[in-house]
PDB file of N, CA and C in Angstrom:
ATOM      1  N   MET A   1     -15.883 -48.591 -23.982  1.00  0.00           N
ATOM      2  CA  MET A   1     -14.895 -49.492 -23.429  1.00  0.00           C
ATOM      3  C   MET A   1     -15.163 -50.886 -23.962  1.00  0.00           C
ATOM      4  N   LEU A   2     -14.148 -51.438 -24.579  1.00  0.00           N
ATOM      5  CA  LEU A   2     -14.214 -52.813 -25.061  1.00  0.00           C
ATOM      6  C   LEU A   2     -13.203 -53.631 -24.273  1.00  0.00           C
ATOM      7  N   ILE A   3     -13.478 -53.709 -22.978  1.00  0.00           N
ATOM      8  CA  ILE A   3     -12.628 -54.441 -22.052  1.00  0.00           C
ATOM      9  C   ILE A   3     -13.193 -55.854 -21.942  1.00  0.00           C
ATOM     10  N   ALA A   4     -12.361 -56.842 -22.242  1.00  0.00           N
ATOM     11  CA  ALA A   4     -12.770 -58.248 -22.184  1.00  0.00           C
ATOM     12  C   ALA A   4     -13.965 -58.525 -23.092  1.00  0.00           C
ATOM     13  N   VAL A   5     -13.937 -57.950 -24.298  1.00  0.00           N
ATOM     14  CA  VAL A   5     -15.019 -58.127 -25.257  1.00  0.00           C
ATOM     15  C   VAL A   5     -14.503 -58.666 -26.588  1.00  0.00           C
ATOM     16  N   LEU A   6     -13.461 -58.057 -27.123  1.00  0.00           N
ATOM     17  CA  LEU A   6     -13.034 -58.327 -28.491  1.00  0.00           C
ATOM     18  C   LEU A   6     -12.580 -59.766 -28.725  1.00  0.00           C
ATOM     19  N   HIS A   7     -12.095 -60.420 -27.706  1.00  0.00           N
ATOM     20  CA  HIS A   7     -11.676 -61.817 -27.884  1.00  0.00           C
ATOM     21  C   HIS A   7     -12.859 -62.746 -28.151  1.00  0.00           C
ATOM     22  N   CYS A   8     -14.068 -62.269 -27.898  1.00  0.00           N
ATOM     23  CA  CYS A   8     -15.268 -63.065 -28.159  1.00  0.00           C
ATOM     24  C   CYS A   8     -15.783 -62.888 -29.587  1.00  0.00           C
ATOM     25  N   ILE A   9     -15.128 -62.031 -30.362  1.00  0.00           N
ATOM     26  CA  ILE A   9     -15.524 -61.794 -31.748  1.00  0.00           C
ATOM     27  C   ILE A   9     -14.482 -62.444 -32.654  1.00  0.00           C
ATOM     28  N   PRO A  10     -14.851 -63.490 -33.373  1.00  0.00           N
ATOM     29  CA  PRO A  10     -13.867 -64.165 -34.227  1.00  0.00           C
ATOM     30  C   PRO A  10     -13.444 -63.278 -35.400  1.00  0.00           C
ATOM     31  N   ASP A  11     -12.279 -63.556 -35.926  1.00  0.00           N
ATOM     32  CA  ASP A  11     -11.766 -62.786 -37.057  1.00  0.00           C
ATOM     33  C   ASP A  11     -12.739 -62.807 -38.229  1.00  0.00           C
ATOM     34  N   ALA A  12     -13.439 -63.920 -38.429  1.00  0.00           N
ATOM     35  CA  ALA A  12     -14.395 -64.035 -39.534  1.00  0.00           C
ATOM     36  C   ALA A  12     -15.512 -62.999 -39.447  1.00  0.00           C
ATOM     37  N   ASP A  13     -15.791 -62.505 -38.233  1.00  0.00           N
ATOM     38  CA  ASP A  13     -16.828 -61.483 -38.040  1.00  0.00           C
ATOM     39  C   ASP A  13     -16.281 -60.064 -38.155  1.00  0.00           C
ATOM     40  N   GLU A  14     -15.028 -59.933 -38.537  1.00  0.00           N
ATOM     41  CA  GLU A  14     -14.381 -58.643 -38.787  1.00  0.00           C
ATOM     42  C   GLU A  14     -14.488 -57.671 -37.600  1.00  0.00           C
ATOM     43  N   PRO A  15     -13.862 -58.036 -36.478  1.00  0.00           N
ATOM     44  CA  PRO A  15     -13.962 -57.173 -35.298  1.00  0.00           C
ATOM     45  C   PRO A  15     -13.426 -55.755 -35.521  1.00  0.00           C
ATOM     46  N   ALA A  16     -12.392 -55.594 -36.337  1.00  0.00           N
ATOM     47  CA  ALA A  16     -11.878 -54.234 -36.588  1.00  0.00           C
ATOM     48  C   ALA A  16     -12.935 -53.382 -37.277  1.00  0.00           C
ATOM     49  N   ARG A  17     -13.700 -53.975 -38.168  1.00  0.00           N
ATOM     50  CA  ARG A  17     -14.774 -53.230 -38.836  1.00  0.00           C
ATOM     51  C   ARG A  17     -15.875 -52.865 -37.843  1.00  0.00           C
ATOM     52  N   ILE A  18     -16.166 -53.764 -36.917  1.00  0.00           N
ATOM     53  CA  ILE A  18     -17.166 -53.483 -35.880  1.00  0.00           C
ATOM     54  C   ILE A  18     -16.709 -52.317 -35.013  1.00  0.00           C
ATOM     55  N   VAL A  19     -15.444 -52.334 -34.605  1.00  0.00           N
ATOM     56  CA  VAL A  19     -14.901 -51.249 -33.777  1.00  0.00           C
ATOM     57  C   VAL A  19     -14.960 -49.928 -34.545  1.00  0.00           C
ATOM     58  N   ALA A  20     -14.598 -49.954 -35.816  1.00  0.00           N
ATOM     59  CA  ALA A  20     -14.632 -48.731 -36.632  1.00  0.00           C
ATOM     60  C   ALA A  20     -16.055 -48.170 -36.714  1.00  0.00           C
ATOM     61  N   ARG A  21     -17.039 -49.049 -36.872  1.00  0.00           N
ATOM     62  CA  ARG A  21     -18.437 -48.590 -36.922  1.00  0.00           C
ATOM     63  C   ARG A  21     -18.858 -47.973 -35.592  1.00  0.00           C
ATOM     64  N   LEU A  22     -18.435 -48.585 -34.490  1.00  0.00           N
ATOM     65  CA  LEU A  22     -18.753 -48.010 -33.181  1.00  0.00           C
ATOM     66  C   LEU A  22     -18.147 -46.616 -33.042  1.00  0.00           C
ATOM     67  N   MET A  23     -16.892 -46.483 -33.477  1.00  0.00           N
ATOM     68  CA  MET A  23     -16.219 -45.194 -33.334  1.00  0.00           C
ATOM     69  C   MET A  23     -16.795 -44.133 -34.275  1.00  0.00           C
ATOM     70  N   GLU A  24     -17.341 -44.541 -35.411  1.00  0.00           N
ATOM     71  CA  GLU A  24     -18.018 -43.592 -36.304  1.00  0.00           C
ATOM     72  C   GLU A  24     -19.226 -42.973 -35.624  1.00  0.00           C
ATOM     73  N   ALA A  25     -19.846 -43.715 -34.727  1.00  0.00           N
ATOM     74  CA  ALA A  25     -21.087 -43.276 -34.086  1.00  0.00           C
ATOM     75  C   ALA A  25     -20.870 -42.339 -32.903  1.00  0.00           C
ATOM     76  N   VAL A  26     -19.638 -42.199 -32.442  1.00  0.00           N
ATOM     77  CA  VAL A  26     -19.388 -41.354 -31.278  1.00  0.00           C
ATOM     78  C   VAL A  26     -18.755 -40.031 -31.720  1.00  0.00           C
ATOM     79  N   PRO A  27     -18.919 -38.971 -30.932  1.00  0.00           N
ATOM     80  CA  PRO A  27     -18.375 -37.675 -31.327  1.00  0.00           C
ATOM     81  C   PRO A  27     -16.856 -37.591 -31.145  1.00  0.00           C
ATOM     82  N   ALA A  28     -16.271 -36.626 -31.832  1.00  0.00           N
ATOM     83  CA  ALA A  28     -14.848 -36.334 -31.645  1.00  0.00           C
ATOM     84  C   ALA A  28     -14.610 -36.059 -30.168  1.00  0.00           C
ATOM     85  N   GLY A  29     -13.457 -36.486 -29.685  1.00  0.00           N
ATOM     86  CA  GLY A  29     -13.130 -36.332 -28.276  1.00  0.00           C
ATOM     87  C   GLY A  29     -13.463 -37.568 -27.459  1.00  0.00           C
ATOM     88  N   SER A  30     -14.179 -38.520 -28.066  1.00  0.00           N
ATOM     89  CA  SER A  30     -14.507 -39.767 -27.379  1.00  0.00           C
ATOM     90  C   SER A  30     -13.269 -40.648 -27.287  1.00  0.00           C
ATOM     91  N   PHE A  31     -13.262 -41.499 -26.288  1.00  0.00           N
ATOM     92  CA  PHE A  31     -12.145 -42.411 -26.066  1.00  0.00           C
ATOM     93  C   PHE A  31     -12.592 -43.847 -26.289  1.00  0.00           C
ATOM     94  N   LEU A  32     -11.636 -44.675 -26.674  1.00  0.00           N
ATOM     95  CA  LEU A  32     -11.840 -46.109 -26.798  1.00  0.00           C
ATOM     96  C   LEU A  32     -10.772 -46.804 -25.978  1.00  0.00           C
ATOM     97  N   ALA A  33     -11.200 -47.650 -25.056  1.00  0.00           N
ATOM     98  CA  ALA A  33     -10.268 -48.470 -24.265  1.00  0.00           C
ATOM     99  C   ALA A  33     -10.490 -49.916 -24.663  1.00  0.00           C
ATOM    100  N   VAL A  34      -9.385 -50.625 -24.936  1.00  0.00           N
ATOM    101  CA  VAL A  34      -9.481 -52.030 -25.320  1.00  0.00           C
ATOM    102  C   VAL A  34      -8.545 -52.875 -24.464  1.00  0.00           C
ATOM    103  N   SER A  35      -8.965 -54.104 -24.244  1.00  0.00           N
ATOM    104  CA  SER A  35      -8.068 -55.121 -23.687  1.00  0.00           C
ATOM    105  C   SER A  35      -8.310 -56.380 -24.498  1.00  0.00           C
ATOM    106  N   GLN A  36      -7.281 -57.188 -24.599  1.00  0.00           N
ATOM    107  CA  GLN A  36      -7.355 -58.349 -25.473  1.00  0.00           C
ATOM    108  C   GLN A  36      -6.323 -59.376 -25.037  1.00  0.00           C
ATOM    109  N   PRO A  37      -6.725 -60.633 -24.843  1.00  0.00           N
ATOM    110  CA  PRO A  37      -5.716 -61.664 -24.588  1.00  0.00           C
ATOM    111  C   PRO A  37      -4.716 -61.711 -25.751  1.00  0.00           C
ATOM    112  N   ALA A  38      -3.450 -61.800 -25.392  1.00  0.00           N
ATOM    113  CA  ALA A  38      -2.367 -61.737 -26.377  1.00  0.00           C
ATOM    114  C   ALA A  38      -1.954 -63.118 -26.853  1.00  0.00           C
ATOM    115  N   SER A  39      -1.736 -63.221 -28.141  1.00  0.00           N
ATOM    116  CA  SER A  39      -1.221 -64.474 -28.700  1.00  0.00           C
ATOM    117  C   SER A  39       0.299 -64.480 -28.749  1.00  0.00           C
ATOM    118  N   ASP A  40       0.911 -63.312 -28.533  1.00  0.00           N
ATOM    119  CA  ASP A  40       2.347 -63.195 -28.776  1.00  0.00           C
ATOM    120  C   ASP A  40       3.190 -62.733 -27.587  1.00  0.00           C
ATOM    121  N   LEU A  41       2.608 -62.508 -26.418  1.00  0.00           N
ATOM    122  CA  LEU A  41       3.416 -62.132 -25.255  1.00  0.00           C
ATOM    123  C   LEU A  41       4.119 -63.354 -24.670  1.00  0.00           C
ATOM    124  N   ASP A  42       3.404 -64.441 -24.572  1.00  0.00           N
ATOM    125  CA  ASP A  42       3.938 -65.730 -24.120  1.00  0.00           C
ATOM    126  C   ASP A  42       3.229 -66.773 -24.979  1.00  0.00           C
ATOM    127  N   PRO A  43       3.675 -66.942 -26.238  1.00  0.00           N
ATOM    128  CA  PRO A  43       2.924 -67.731 -27.208  1.00  0.00           C
ATOM    129  C   PRO A  43       2.546 -69.148 -26.758  1.00  0.00           C
ATOM    130  N   GLU A  44       3.454 -69.842 -26.096  1.00  0.00           N
ATOM    131  CA  GLU A  44       3.150 -71.209 -25.667  1.00  0.00           C
ATOM    132  C   GLU A  44       2.031 -71.212 -24.627  1.00  0.00           C
ATOM    133  N   ARG A  45       2.171 -70.369 -23.627  1.00  0.00           N
ATOM    134  CA  ARG A  45       1.147 -70.291 -22.573  1.00  0.00           C
ATOM    135  C   ARG A  45      -0.185 -69.802 -23.152  1.00  0.00           C
ATOM    136  N   ALA A  46      -0.118 -68.801 -24.030  1.00  0.00           N
ATOM    137  CA  ALA A  46      -1.333 -68.252 -24.629  1.00  0.00           C
ATOM    138  C   ALA A  46      -2.076 -69.328 -25.418  1.00  0.00           C
ATOM    139  N   ALA A  47      -1.355 -70.113 -26.189  1.00  0.00           N
ATOM    140  CA  ALA A  47      -1.984 -71.180 -26.978  1.00  0.00           C
ATOM    141  C   ALA A  47      -2.666 -72.196 -26.068  1.00  0.00           C
ATOM    142  N   GLU A  48      -2.022 -72.542 -24.953  1.00  0.00           N
ATOM    143  CA  GLU A  48      -2.615 -73.485 -23.998  1.00  0.00           C
ATOM    144  C   GLU A  48      -3.892 -72.921 -23.386  1.00  0.00           C
ATOM    145  N   VAL A  49      -3.834 -71.653 -22.957  1.00  0.00           N
ATOM    146  CA  VAL A  49      -4.996 -71.018 -22.324  1.00  0.00           C
ATOM    147  C   VAL A  49      -6.137 -70.890 -23.329  1.00  0.00           C
ATOM    148  N   GLU A  50      -5.814 -70.446 -24.543  1.00  0.00           N
ATOM    149  CA  GLU A  50      -6.842 -70.285 -25.579  1.00  0.00           C
ATOM    150  C   GLU A  50      -7.510 -71.631 -25.880  1.00  0.00           C
ATOM    151  N   ALA A  51      -6.715 -72.675 -26.049  1.00  0.00           N
ATOM    152  CA  ALA A  51      -7.270 -73.999 -26.334  1.00  0.00           C
ATOM    153  C   ALA A  51      -8.144 -74.494 -25.184  1.00  0.00           C
ATOM    154  N   SER A  52      -7.687 -74.286 -23.964  1.00  0.00           N
ATOM    155  CA  SER A  52      -8.453 -74.711 -22.789  1.00  0.00           C
ATOM    156  C   SER A  52      -9.790 -73.977 -22.705  1.00  0.00           C
ATOM    157  N   LEU A  53      -9.760 -72.668 -22.895  1.00  0.00           N
ATOM    158  CA  LEU A  53     -10.994 -71.885 -22.859  1.00  0.00           C
ATOM    159  C   LEU A  53     -11.962 -72.324 -23.947  1.00  0.00           C
ATOM    160  N   ASN A  54     -11.427 -72.574 -25.128  1.00  0.00           N
ATOM    161  CA  ASN A  54     -12.287 -72.967 -26.240  1.00  0.00           C
ATOM    162  C   ASN A  54     -12.895 -74.357 -26.061  1.00  0.00           C
ATOM    163  N   GLN A  55     -12.289 -75.184 -25.223  1.00  0.00           N
ATOM    164  CA  GLN A  55     -12.880 -76.484 -24.905  1.00  0.00           C
ATOM    165  C   GLN A  55     -13.988 -76.342 -23.869  1.00  0.00           C
ATOM    166  N   MET A  56     -13.844 -75.374 -22.956  1.00  0.00           N
ATOM    167  CA  MET A  56     -14.782 -75.242 -21.841  1.00  0.00           C
ATOM    168  C   MET A  56     -15.956 -74.306 -22.117  1.00  0.00           C
ATOM    169  N   MET A  57     -15.771 -73.322 -22.969  1.00  0.00           N
ATOM    170  CA  MET A  57     -16.774 -72.271 -23.137  1.00  0.00           C
ATOM    171  C   MET A  57     -17.591 -72.458 -24.402  1.00  0.00           C
ATOM    172  N   PRO A  58     -18.871 -72.112 -24.351  1.00  0.00           N
ATOM    173  CA  PRO A  58     -19.689 -72.221 -25.566  1.00  0.00           C
ATOM    174  C   PRO A  58     -19.309 -71.174 -26.622  1.00  0.00           C
ATOM    175  N   VAL A  59     -18.849 -70.011 -26.168  1.00  0.00           N
ATOM    176  CA  VAL A  59     -18.394 -68.965 -27.083  1.00  0.00           C
ATOM    177  C   VAL A  59     -16.882 -69.108 -27.228  1.00  0.00           C
ATOM    178  N   LYS A  60     -16.434 -69.294 -28.448  1.00  0.00           N
ATOM    179  CA  LYS A  60     -15.008 -69.469 -28.690  1.00  0.00           C
ATOM    180  C   LYS A  60     -14.298 -68.126 -28.582  1.00  0.00           C
ATOM    181  N   VAL A  61     -13.049 -68.164 -28.132  1.00  0.00           N
ATOM    182  CA  VAL A  61     -12.269 -66.944 -27.969  1.00  0.00           C
ATOM    183  C   VAL A  61     -11.122 -66.919 -28.977  1.00  0.00           C
ATOM    184  N   THR A  62     -10.685 -65.713 -29.273  1.00  0.00           N
ATOM    185  CA  THR A  62      -9.582 -65.506 -30.203  1.00  0.00           C
ATOM    186  C   THR A  62      -8.560 -64.609 -29.529  1.00  0.00           C
ATOM    187  N   PHE A  63      -7.361 -65.124 -29.326  1.00  0.00           N
ATOM    188  CA  PHE A  63      -6.267 -64.306 -28.815  1.00  0.00           C
ATOM    189  C   PHE A  63      -5.624 -63.624 -30.018  1.00  0.00           C
ATOM    190  N   ARG A  64      -5.100 -62.413 -29.817  1.00  0.00           N
ATOM    191  CA  ARG A  64      -4.547 -61.658 -30.944  1.00  0.00           C
ATOM    192  C   ARG A  64      -3.166 -61.106 -30.635  1.00  0.00           C
ATOM    193  N   SER A  65      -2.445 -60.834 -31.709  1.00  0.00           N
ATOM    194  CA  SER A  65      -1.099 -60.264 -31.611  1.00  0.00           C
ATOM    195  C   SER A  65      -1.168 -58.766 -31.322  1.00  0.00           C
ATOM    196  N   HIS A  66      -0.009 -58.208 -31.011  1.00  0.00           N
ATOM    197  CA  HIS A  66       0.095 -56.758 -30.805  1.00  0.00           C
ATOM    198  C   HIS A  66      -0.423 -56.017 -32.027  1.00  0.00           C
ATOM    199  N   GLN A  67      -0.025 -56.475 -33.190  1.00  0.00           N
ATOM    200  CA  GLN A  67      -0.461 -55.831 -34.432  1.00  0.00           C
ATOM    201  C   GLN A  67      -1.980 -55.904 -34.572  1.00  0.00           C
ATOM    202  N   GLY A  68      -2.556 -57.043 -34.252  1.00  0.00           N
ATOM    203  CA  GLY A  68      -4.000 -57.199 -34.338  1.00  0.00           C
ATOM    204  C   GLY A  68      -4.754 -56.285 -33.390  1.00  0.00           C
ATOM    205  N   VAL A  69      -4.257 -56.153 -32.179  1.00  0.00           N
ATOM    206  CA  VAL A  69      -4.903 -55.281 -31.200  1.00  0.00           C
ATOM    207  C   VAL A  69      -4.701 -53.814 -31.590  1.00  0.00           C
ATOM    208  N   SER A  70      -3.516 -53.458 -32.023  1.00  0.00           N
ATOM    209  CA  SER A  70      -3.250 -52.085 -32.452  1.00  0.00           C
ATOM    210  C   SER A  70      -4.166 -51.686 -33.600  1.00  0.00           C
ATOM    211  N   GLY A  71      -4.497 -52.656 -34.461  1.00  0.00           N
ATOM    212  CA  GLY A  71      -5.387 -52.379 -35.586  1.00  0.00           C
ATOM    213  C   GLY A  71      -6.762 -51.896 -35.169  1.00  0.00           C
ATOM    214  N   PHE A  72      -7.212 -52.272 -33.974  1.00  0.00           N
ATOM    215  CA  PHE A  72      -8.507 -51.791 -33.490  1.00  0.00           C
ATOM    216  C   PHE A  72      -8.490 -50.280 -33.251  1.00  0.00           C
ATOM    217  N   LEU A  73      -7.301 -49.720 -33.084  1.00  0.00           N
ATOM    218  CA  LEU A  73      -7.169 -48.292 -32.785  1.00  0.00           C
ATOM    219  C   LEU A  73      -6.755 -47.476 -34.002  1.00  0.00           C
ATOM    220  N   ASP A  74      -6.734 -48.101 -35.183  1.00  0.00           N
ATOM    221  CA  ASP A  74      -6.364 -47.386 -36.407  1.00  0.00           C
ATOM    222  C   ASP A  74      -7.253 -46.161 -36.604  1.00  0.00           C
ATOM    223  N   GLY A  75      -6.613 -45.064 -36.985  1.00  0.00           N
ATOM    224  CA  GLY A  75      -7.345 -43.827 -37.243  1.00  0.00           C
ATOM    225  C   GLY A  75      -7.636 -43.004 -36.005  1.00  0.00           C
ATOM    226  N   LEU A  76      -7.224 -43.499 -34.847  1.00  0.00           N
ATOM    227  CA  LEU A  76      -7.436 -42.787 -33.590  1.00  0.00           C
ATOM    228  C   LEU A  76      -6.092 -42.323 -33.043  1.00  0.00           C
ATOM    229  N   ASP A  77      -6.124 -41.379 -32.130  1.00  0.00           N
ATOM    230  CA  ASP A  77      -4.905 -40.904 -31.479  1.00  0.00           C
ATOM    231  C   ASP A  77      -4.644 -41.773 -30.255  1.00  0.00           C
ATOM    232  N   ILE A  78      -3.614 -42.607 -30.357  1.00  0.00           N
ATOM    233  CA  ILE A  78      -3.312 -43.555 -29.276  1.00  0.00           C
ATOM    234  C   ILE A  78      -2.615 -42.825 -28.138  1.00  0.00           C
ATOM    235  N   LEU A  79      -3.132 -42.988 -26.934  1.00  0.00           N
ATOM    236  CA  LEU A  79      -2.539 -42.366 -25.751  1.00  0.00           C
ATOM    237  C   LEU A  79      -1.297 -43.133 -25.328  1.00  0.00           C
ATOM    238  N   GLU A  80      -0.357 -42.414 -24.725  1.00  0.00           N
ATOM    239  CA  GLU A  80       0.850 -43.033 -24.181  1.00  0.00           C
ATOM    240  C   GLU A  80       0.463 -43.886 -22.979  1.00  0.00           C
ATOM    241  N   PRO A  81       1.050 -45.013 -22.843  1.00  0.00           N
ATOM    242  CA  PRO A  81       2.241 -45.537 -23.486  1.00  0.00           C
ATOM    243  C   PRO A  81       1.964 -46.388 -24.718  1.00  0.00           C
ATOM    244  N   GLY A  82       0.761 -46.324 -25.285  1.00  0.00           N
ATOM    245  CA  GLY A  82       0.435 -47.093 -26.478  1.00  0.00           C
ATOM    246  C   GLY A  82      -0.258 -48.394 -26.132  1.00  0.00           C
ATOM    247  N   VAL A  83      -0.196 -49.322 -27.059  1.00  0.00           N
ATOM    248  CA  VAL A  83      -0.739 -50.656 -26.831  1.00  0.00           C
ATOM    249  C   VAL A  83       0.391 -51.472 -26.202  1.00  0.00           C
ATOM    250  N   VAL A  84       0.199 -51.800 -24.945  1.00  0.00           N
ATOM    251  CA  VAL A  84       1.251 -52.443 -24.149  1.00  0.00           C
ATOM    252  C   VAL A  84       0.637 -53.542 -23.285  1.00  0.00           C
ATOM    253  N   PRO A  85       1.485 -54.409 -22.709  1.00  0.00           N
ATOM    254  CA  PRO A  85       0.948 -55.358 -21.729  1.00  0.00           C
ATOM    255  C   PRO A  85       0.215 -54.581 -20.626  1.00  0.00           C
ATOM    256  N   ILE A  86      -0.939 -55.048 -20.246  1.00  0.00           N
ATOM    257  CA  ILE A  86      -1.813 -54.319 -19.307  1.00  0.00           C
ATOM    258  C   ILE A  86      -1.079 -53.751 -18.081  1.00  0.00           C
ATOM    259  N   PRO A  87      -0.226 -54.513 -17.407  1.00  0.00           N
ATOM    260  CA  PRO A  87       0.422 -53.937 -16.222  1.00  0.00           C
ATOM    261  C   PRO A  87       1.321 -52.729 -16.537  1.00  0.00           C
ATOM    262  N   ARG A  88       1.713 -52.571 -17.789  1.00  0.00           N
ATOM    263  CA  ARG A  88       2.583 -51.447 -18.166  1.00  0.00           C
ATOM    264  C   ARG A  88       1.805 -50.221 -18.608  1.00  0.00           C
ATOM    265  N   TRP A  89       0.466 -50.320 -18.631  1.00  0.00           N
ATOM    266  CA  TRP A  89      -0.340 -49.160 -19.024  1.00  0.00           C
ATOM    267  C   TRP A  89      -0.562 -48.287 -17.792  1.00  0.00           C
ATOM    268  N   ARG A  90       0.331 -47.325 -17.626  1.00  0.00           N
ATOM    269  CA  ARG A  90       0.287 -46.364 -16.518  1.00  0.00           C
ATOM    270  C   ARG A  90       0.153 -47.051 -15.160  1.00  0.00           C
ATOM    271  N   PRO A  91       1.133 -47.844 -14.790  1.00  0.00           N
ATOM    272  CA  PRO A  91       1.063 -48.561 -13.506  1.00  0.00           C
ATOM    273  C   PRO A  91       1.066 -47.598 -12.318  1.00  0.00           C
ATOM    274  N   ALA A  92       0.400 -47.994 -11.254  1.00  0.00           N
ATOM    275  CA  ALA A  92       0.340 -47.182 -10.038  1.00  0.00           C
ATOM    276  C   ALA A  92       1.706 -47.104  -9.361  1.00  0.00           C
ATOM    277  N   ALA A  93       2.477 -48.176  -9.461  1.00  0.00           N
ATOM    278  CA  ALA A  93       3.816 -48.219  -8.878  1.00  0.00           C
ATOM    279  C   ALA A  93       4.744 -48.900  -9.888  1.00  0.00           C
ATOM    280  N   PRO A  94       6.017 -48.520  -9.911  1.00  0.00           N
ATOM    281  CA  PRO A  94       6.947 -49.114 -10.879  1.00  0.00           C
ATOM    282  C   PRO A  94       6.971 -50.643 -10.850  1.00  0.00           C
ATOM    283  N   ALA A  95       6.867 -51.238  -9.690  1.00  0.00           N
ATOM    284  CA  ALA A  95       6.898 -52.699  -9.588  1.00  0.00           C
ATOM    285  C   ALA A  95       5.692 -53.342 -10.282  1.00  0.00           C
ATOM    286  N   ASP A  96       4.582 -52.619 -10.355  1.00  0.00           N
ATOM    287  CA  ASP A  96       3.381 -53.157 -10.995  1.00  0.00           C
ATOM    288  C   ASP A  96       3.600 -53.433 -12.477  1.00  0.00           C
ATOM    289  N   ALA A  97       4.480 -52.682 -13.115  1.00  0.00           N
ATOM    290  CA  ALA A  97       4.727 -52.839 -14.553  1.00  0.00           C
ATOM    291  C   ALA A  97       5.317 -54.200 -14.897  1.00  0.00           C
ATOM    292  N   ASP A  98       5.908 -54.862 -13.926  1.00  0.00           N
ATOM    293  CA  ASP A  98       6.550 -56.146 -14.170  1.00  0.00           C
ATOM    294  C   ASP A  98       5.669 -57.350 -13.854  1.00  0.00           C
ATOM    295  N   LEU A  99       4.400 -57.119 -13.520  1.00  0.00           N
ATOM    296  CA  LEU A  99       3.503 -58.233 -13.223  1.00  0.00           C
ATOM    297  C   LEU A  99       3.288 -59.070 -14.483  1.00  0.00           C
ATOM    298  N   PRO A 100       3.206 -60.379 -14.351  1.00  0.00           N
ATOM    299  CA  PRO A 100       3.014 -61.230 -15.530  1.00  0.00           C
ATOM    300  C   PRO A 100       1.618 -61.048 -16.130  1.00  0.00           C
ATOM    301  N   THR A 101       1.547 -61.140 -17.437  1.00  0.00           N
ATOM    302  CA  THR A 101       0.263 -61.005 -18.123  1.00  0.00           C
ATOM    303  C   THR A 101       0.345 -61.602 -19.514  1.00  0.00           C
ATOM    304  N   ILE A 102      -0.798 -61.955 -20.051  1.00  0.00           N
ATOM    305  CA  ILE A 102      -0.897 -62.268 -21.473  1.00  0.00           C
ATOM    306  C   ILE A 102      -2.034 -61.431 -22.064  1.00  0.00           C
ATOM    307  N   MET A 103      -2.091 -60.153 -21.624  1.00  0.00           N
ATOM    308  CA  MET A 103      -3.135 -59.235 -22.090  1.00  0.00           C
ATOM    309  C   MET A 103      -2.520 -57.959 -22.657  1.00  0.00           C
ATOM    310  N   TRP A 104      -2.979 -57.569 -23.846  1.00  0.00           N
ATOM    311  CA  TRP A 104      -2.646 -56.267 -24.402  1.00  0.00           C
ATOM    312  C   TRP A 104      -3.736 -55.290 -23.973  1.00  0.00           C
ATOM    313  N   GLY A 105      -3.351 -54.013 -23.834  1.00  0.00           N
ATOM    314  CA  GLY A 105      -4.326 -52.983 -23.528  1.00  0.00           C
ATOM    315  C   GLY A 105      -3.893 -51.664 -24.111  1.00  0.00           C
ATOM    316  N   GLY A 106      -4.863 -50.823 -24.404  1.00  0.00           N
ATOM    317  CA  GLY A 106      -4.566 -49.509 -24.922  1.00  0.00           C
ATOM    318  C   GLY A 106      -5.793 -48.619 -24.876  1.00  0.00           C
ATOM    319  N   VAL A 107      -5.529 -47.322 -24.991  1.00  0.00           N
ATOM    320  CA  VAL A 107      -6.603 -46.321 -25.016  1.00  0.00           C
ATOM    321  C   VAL A 107      -6.278 -45.349 -26.140  1.00  0.00           C
ATOM    322  N   ALA A 108      -7.319 -44.937 -26.852  1.00  0.00           N
ATOM    323  CA  ALA A 108      -7.135 -43.977 -27.941  1.00  0.00           C
ATOM    324  C   ALA A 108      -8.294 -42.978 -27.938  1.00  0.00           C
ATOM    325  N   ARG A 109      -8.046 -41.847 -28.578  1.00  0.00           N
ATOM    326  CA  ARG A 109      -9.025 -40.754 -28.626  1.00  0.00           C
ATOM    327  C   ARG A 109      -9.379 -40.472 -30.076  1.00  0.00           C
ATOM    328  N   LYS A 110     -10.659 -40.252 -30.320  1.00  0.00           N
ATOM    329  CA  LYS A 110     -11.105 -39.867 -31.658  1.00  0.00           C
ATOM    330  C   LYS A 110     -10.910 -38.368 -31.826  1.00  0.00           C
ATOM    331  N   SER A 111     -10.220 -37.986 -32.880  1.00  0.00           N
ATOM    332  CA  SER A 111      -9.972 -36.551 -33.138  1.00  0.00           C
ATOM    333  C   SER A 111     -11.218 -35.867 -33.660  1.00  0.00           C
TER     334      SER A 111
END
């Protein structure tokens, strides 16, 4: 599970390569769950939050687009409903799917 982790790895450190190496080490049938602050769900708000966090925290954070987050799951079988805003990933109640968020989330399985 890479929940609230990947945003702490800057693009320069090649987080997709790190994820791929982790997945190479696990057996077929293993799952990967990711969450990631989104740069593209509410771009203005996301930019403000990212800038604020980077001013306050010693570890800089990187928000990513849907495409960037989906790339972490390349080569894996992505479970339905795919990489979606967190509240839409199998919500407990239909109303939960409409909760505001700037987080992408997804789960995939290694074949």
